[in-house]
Amino acid sequence: MDKYEAGVTTPALCAEYSLSKGGLLKVLGERGVEMRRQSLDAAQLSEAVRLYETGLSLQAVATRLGVSYNCVRQRFVKEEVPRRPRGGSYAR
């Protein structure tokens, strides 16, 4: 999908090809297209929160889920997930 790689948004491509977002993402994945900034779905968010609550850093959570640090951070902000103070250690 050259249009996706050129920067056309997924909503625009969904409309053009009459596909759901899931359908479009499946087609792109099957063709080996590298995905842009995909947000966490509900199950991934739940897992991210669980991992974070066990003491993992946002970067470690992102790595475990195969997404970017920013993807996790932005979703936590959007969902108002309480964050630990920065500093590299976590005391329970």
N, C-alpha and C. Protein backbone atom coordinates (compact mmCIF):
# COMPACT_ATOMS: atom_id res chain seq x y z
N MET A 1 0.84 -1.18 0.00
CA MET A 1 0.00 0.00 0.00
C MET A 1 0.89 1.25 0.00
N ASP A 2 1.21 1.67 -1.16
CA ASP A 2 2.08 2.83 -1.32
C ASP A 2 1.49 4.09 -0.69
N LYS A 3 0.18 4.23 -0.75
CA LYS A 3 -0.45 5.43 -0.19
C LYS A 3 -0.22 5.52 1.32
N TYR A 4 -0.34 4.39 2.02
CA TYR A 4 -0.10 4.38 3.47
C TYR A 4 1.34 4.78 3.75
N GLU A 5 2.27 4.17 3.02
CA GLU A 5 3.69 4.48 3.21
C GLU A 5 4.00 5.93 2.86
N ALA A 6 3.19 6.54 1.99
CA ALA A 6 3.38 7.94 1.62
C ALA A 6 2.76 8.90 2.64
N GLY A 7 2.04 8.34 3.63
CA GLY A 7 1.50 9.19 4.69
C GLY A 7 0.00 9.38 4.71
N VAL A 8 -0.72 8.76 3.79
CA VAL A 8 -2.18 8.87 3.79
C VAL A 8 -2.68 8.20 5.07
N THR A 9 -3.64 8.83 5.74
CA THR A 9 -4.13 8.32 7.02
C THR A 9 -4.95 7.05 6.85
N THR A 10 -5.02 6.26 7.93
CA THR A 10 -5.82 5.05 7.88
C THR A 10 -7.31 5.36 7.68
N PRO A 11 -7.87 6.40 8.32
CA PRO A 11 -9.29 6.68 8.03
C PRO A 11 -9.54 7.00 6.55
N ALA A 12 -8.63 7.71 5.93
CA ALA A 12 -8.80 8.04 4.51
C ALA A 12 -8.72 6.78 3.66
N LEU A 13 -7.80 5.88 3.98
CA LEU A 13 -7.67 4.64 3.22
C LEU A 13 -8.87 3.73 3.46
N CYS A 14 -9.37 3.69 4.69
CA CYS A 14 -10.56 2.89 4.99
C CYS A 14 -11.74 3.35 4.15
N ALA A 15 -11.90 4.66 4.05
CA ALA A 15 -13.00 5.21 3.25
C ALA A 15 -12.80 4.90 1.77
N GLU A 16 -11.59 5.09 1.29
CA GLU A 16 -11.32 4.87 -0.13
C GLU A 16 -11.53 3.42 -0.55
N TYR A 17 -11.13 2.47 0.30
CA TYR A 17 -11.21 1.06 -0.06
C TYR A 17 -12.38 0.33 0.61
N SER A 18 -13.23 1.07 1.29
CA SER A 18 -14.40 0.50 1.97
C SER A 18 -14.01 -0.65 2.91
N LEU A 19 -13.01 -0.38 3.74
CA LEU A 19 -12.52 -1.36 4.71
C LEU A 19 -12.68 -0.82 6.12
N SER A 20 -12.84 -1.73 7.07
CA SER A 20 -12.77 -1.33 8.48
C SER A 20 -11.30 -1.07 8.80
N LYS A 21 -11.03 -0.41 9.93
CA LYS A 21 -9.64 -0.17 10.29
C LYS A 21 -8.93 -1.50 10.51
N GLY A 22 -9.62 -2.44 11.17
CA GLY A 22 -9.02 -3.76 11.37
C GLY A 22 -8.70 -4.46 10.07
N GLY A 23 -9.61 -4.36 9.11
CA GLY A 23 -9.39 -4.96 7.80
C GLY A 23 -8.20 -4.34 7.08
N LEU A 24 -8.12 -3.02 7.15
CA LEU A 24 -7.00 -2.32 6.52
C LEU A 24 -5.68 -2.72 7.17
N LEU A 25 -5.65 -2.75 8.50
CA LEU A 25 -4.42 -3.11 9.19
C LEU A 25 -4.00 -4.55 8.87
N LYS A 26 -4.97 -5.43 8.70
CA LYS A 26 -4.67 -6.81 8.33
C LYS A 26 -4.02 -6.86 6.95
N VAL A 27 -4.60 -6.13 6.00
CA VAL A 27 -4.03 -6.10 4.64
C VAL A 27 -2.61 -5.54 4.67
N LEU A 28 -2.42 -4.45 5.40
CA LEU A 28 -1.09 -3.86 5.48
C LEU A 28 -0.10 -4.83 6.10
N GLY A 29 -0.52 -5.49 7.18
CA GLY A 29 0.35 -6.45 7.85
C GLY A 29 0.72 -7.62 6.95
N GLU A 30 -0.26 -8.12 6.21
CA GLU A 30 -0.01 -9.23 5.29
C GLU A 30 0.99 -8.86 4.20
N ARG A 31 1.04 -7.59 3.88
CA ARG A 31 1.97 -7.13 2.83
C ARG A 31 3.29 -6.65 3.41
N GLY A 32 3.46 -6.80 4.72
CA GLY A 32 4.74 -6.45 5.35
C GLY A 32 4.98 -4.96 5.50
N VAL A 33 3.91 -4.17 5.46
CA VAL A 33 4.05 -2.72 5.60
C VAL A 33 4.31 -2.39 7.07
N GLU A 34 5.33 -1.58 7.33
CA GLU A 34 5.62 -1.15 8.70
C GLU A 34 4.56 -0.16 9.15
N MET A 35 3.97 -0.45 10.31
CA MET A 35 2.87 0.37 10.81
C MET A 35 3.37 1.64 11.49
N ARG A 36 2.57 2.68 11.39
CA ARG A 36 2.86 3.96 12.05
C ARG A 36 2.08 4.03 13.34
N ARG A 37 2.62 4.62 14.34
CA ARG A 37 1.97 5.05 15.59
C ARG A 37 0.62 4.41 15.91
N GLN A 38 0.59 3.13 16.02
CA GLN A 38 -0.66 2.47 16.40
C GLN A 38 -0.83 2.57 17.91
N SER A 39 -2.02 2.92 18.34
CA SER A 39 -2.31 3.03 19.76
C SER A 39 -2.52 1.64 20.34
N LEU A 40 -2.50 1.56 21.65
CA LEU A 40 -2.77 0.30 22.33
C LEU A 40 -4.26 0.01 22.31
N ASP A 41 -4.62 -1.24 22.04
CA ASP A 41 -6.03 -1.60 22.15
C ASP A 41 -6.33 -1.85 23.64
N ALA A 42 -7.57 -2.17 23.96
CA ALA A 42 -7.99 -2.31 25.36
C ALA A 42 -7.20 -3.41 26.08
N ALA A 43 -6.99 -4.54 25.41
CA ALA A 43 -6.25 -5.64 26.04
C ALA A 43 -4.79 -5.26 26.27
N GLN A 44 -4.19 -4.58 25.29
CA GLN A 44 -2.80 -4.15 25.44
C GLN A 44 -2.68 -3.11 26.55
N LEU A 45 -3.64 -2.21 26.64
CA LEU A 45 -3.62 -1.20 27.70
C LEU A 45 -3.68 -1.88 29.06
N SER A 46 -4.57 -2.84 29.21
CA SER A 46 -4.70 -3.56 30.47
C SER A 46 -3.38 -4.24 30.84
N GLU A 47 -2.75 -4.88 29.85
CA GLU A 47 -1.46 -5.54 30.08
C GLU A 47 -0.38 -4.52 30.41
N ALA A 48 -0.38 -3.39 29.73
CA ALA A 48 0.60 -2.34 30.00
C ALA A 48 0.48 -1.83 31.43
N VAL A 49 -0.73 -1.59 31.87
CA VAL A 49 -0.96 -1.12 33.24
C VAL A 49 -0.49 -2.18 34.23
N ARG A 50 -0.83 -3.44 33.97
CA ARG A 50 -0.42 -4.53 34.86
C ARG A 50 1.10 -4.60 34.97
N LEU A 51 1.77 -4.55 33.83
CA LEU A 51 3.24 -4.60 33.84
C LEU A 51 3.84 -3.39 34.55
N TYR A 52 3.30 -2.23 34.31
CA TYR A 52 3.79 -1.01 34.95
C TYR A 52 3.61 -1.10 36.46
N GLU A 53 2.47 -1.63 36.89
CA GLU A 53 2.19 -1.75 38.33
C GLU A 53 3.12 -2.76 39.01
N THR A 54 3.72 -3.67 38.24
CA THR A 54 4.69 -4.61 38.82
C THR A 54 6.06 -3.96 38.99
N GLY A 55 6.20 -2.73 38.50
CA GLY A 55 7.46 -2.01 38.68
C GLY A 55 8.26 -1.78 37.41
N LEU A 56 7.80 -2.31 36.28
CA LEU A 56 8.52 -2.07 35.03
C LEU A 56 8.42 -0.60 34.63
N SER A 57 9.46 -0.12 33.98
CA SER A 57 9.44 1.25 33.45
C SER A 57 8.55 1.31 32.22
N LEU A 58 8.20 2.53 31.82
CA LEU A 58 7.41 2.67 30.59
C LEU A 58 8.16 2.10 29.40
N GLN A 59 9.48 2.30 29.36
CA GLN A 59 10.28 1.77 28.25
C GLN A 59 10.24 0.25 28.25
N ALA A 60 10.35 -0.36 29.42
CA ALA A 60 10.31 -1.83 29.50
C ALA A 60 8.94 -2.35 29.09
N VAL A 61 7.88 -1.66 29.50
CA VAL A 61 6.53 -2.05 29.10
C VAL A 61 6.40 -1.96 27.58
N ALA A 62 6.86 -0.85 27.02
CA ALA A 62 6.78 -0.65 25.57
C ALA A 62 7.53 -1.76 24.83
N THR A 63 8.70 -2.09 25.30
CA THR A 63 9.51 -3.14 24.67
C THR A 63 8.78 -4.47 24.73
N ARG A 64 8.22 -4.80 25.88
CA ARG A 64 7.47 -6.06 26.04
C ARG A 64 6.30 -6.14 25.08
N LEU A 65 5.63 -5.00 24.85
CA LEU A 65 4.45 -4.99 23.99
C LEU A 65 4.78 -4.74 22.52
N GLY A 66 6.03 -4.44 22.22
CA GLY A 66 6.44 -4.22 20.84
C GLY A 66 5.96 -2.91 20.26
N VAL A 67 5.83 -1.90 21.13
CA VAL A 67 5.40 -0.57 20.70
C VAL A 67 6.42 0.45 21.18
N SER A 68 6.22 1.70 20.81
CA SER A 68 7.16 2.73 21.23
C SER A 68 6.85 3.22 22.65
N TYR A 69 7.87 3.79 23.27
CA TYR A 69 7.70 4.41 24.58
C TYR A 69 6.58 5.44 24.53
N ASN A 70 6.60 6.26 23.48
CA ASN A 70 5.61 7.33 23.34
C ASN A 70 4.19 6.77 23.22
N CYS A 71 4.03 5.64 22.57
CA CYS A 71 2.72 5.01 22.44
C CYS A 71 2.16 4.71 23.83
N VAL A 72 2.98 4.11 24.68
CA VAL A 72 2.54 3.77 26.04
C VAL A 72 2.30 5.05 26.84
N ARG A 73 3.25 5.97 26.79
CA ARG A 73 3.13 7.21 27.57
C ARG A 73 1.88 7.98 27.19
N GLN A 74 1.64 8.14 25.90
CA GLN A 74 0.47 8.91 25.45
C GLN A 74 -0.83 8.24 25.86
N ARG A 75 -0.88 6.91 25.79
CA ARG A 75 -2.12 6.22 26.17
C ARG A 75 -2.34 6.31 27.68
N PHE A 76 -1.25 6.24 28.46
CA PHE A 76 -1.38 6.40 29.91
C PHE A 76 -1.90 7.79 30.25
N VAL A 77 -1.41 8.80 29.56
CA VAL A 77 -1.88 10.17 29.79
C VAL A 77 -3.36 10.26 29.44
N LYS A 78 -3.73 9.74 28.28
CA LYS A 78 -5.12 9.80 27.83
C LYS A 78 -6.06 9.10 28.81
N GLU A 79 -5.63 7.96 29.33
CA GLU A 79 -6.46 7.16 30.24
C GLU A 79 -6.28 7.55 31.71
N GLU A 80 -5.43 8.55 31.95
CA GLU A 80 -5.15 9.06 33.30
C GLU A 80 -4.65 7.96 34.24
N VAL A 81 -3.76 7.13 33.71
CA VAL A 81 -3.13 6.09 34.52
C VAL A 81 -2.14 6.79 35.46
N PRO A 82 -2.25 6.57 36.78
CA PRO A 82 -1.31 7.21 37.72
C PRO A 82 0.12 6.79 37.43
N ARG A 83 1.01 7.76 37.45
CA ARG A 83 2.42 7.51 37.15
C ARG A 83 3.25 7.61 38.41
N ARG A 84 4.32 6.83 38.44
CA ARG A 84 5.28 6.90 39.54
C ARG A 84 6.20 8.09 39.32
N PRO A 85 6.81 8.58 40.40
CA PRO A 85 7.83 9.62 40.21
C PRO A 85 9.00 9.07 39.41
N ARG A 86 9.64 9.93 38.66
CA ARG A 86 10.82 9.51 37.90
C ARG A 86 11.98 9.31 38.85
N GLY A 87 12.97 8.58 38.41
CA GLY A 87 14.16 8.44 39.22
C GLY A 87 14.80 7.07 39.20
N GLY A 88 14.15 6.13 38.57
CA GLY A 88 14.78 4.84 38.38
C GLY A 88 14.59 3.82 39.48
N SER A 89 13.95 4.21 40.57
CA SER A 89 13.68 3.19 41.59
C SER A 89 12.22 3.29 42.00
N TYR A 90 11.72 2.18 42.42
CA TYR A 90 10.30 2.13 42.78
C TYR A 90 10.18 1.39 44.10
N ALA A 91 9.81 2.10 45.12
CA ALA A 91 9.63 1.48 46.44
C ALA A 91 8.14 1.22 46.64
N ARG A 92 7.83 0.01 47.02
CA ARG A 92 6.41 -0.33 47.25
C ARG A 92 6.03 -0.01 48.66
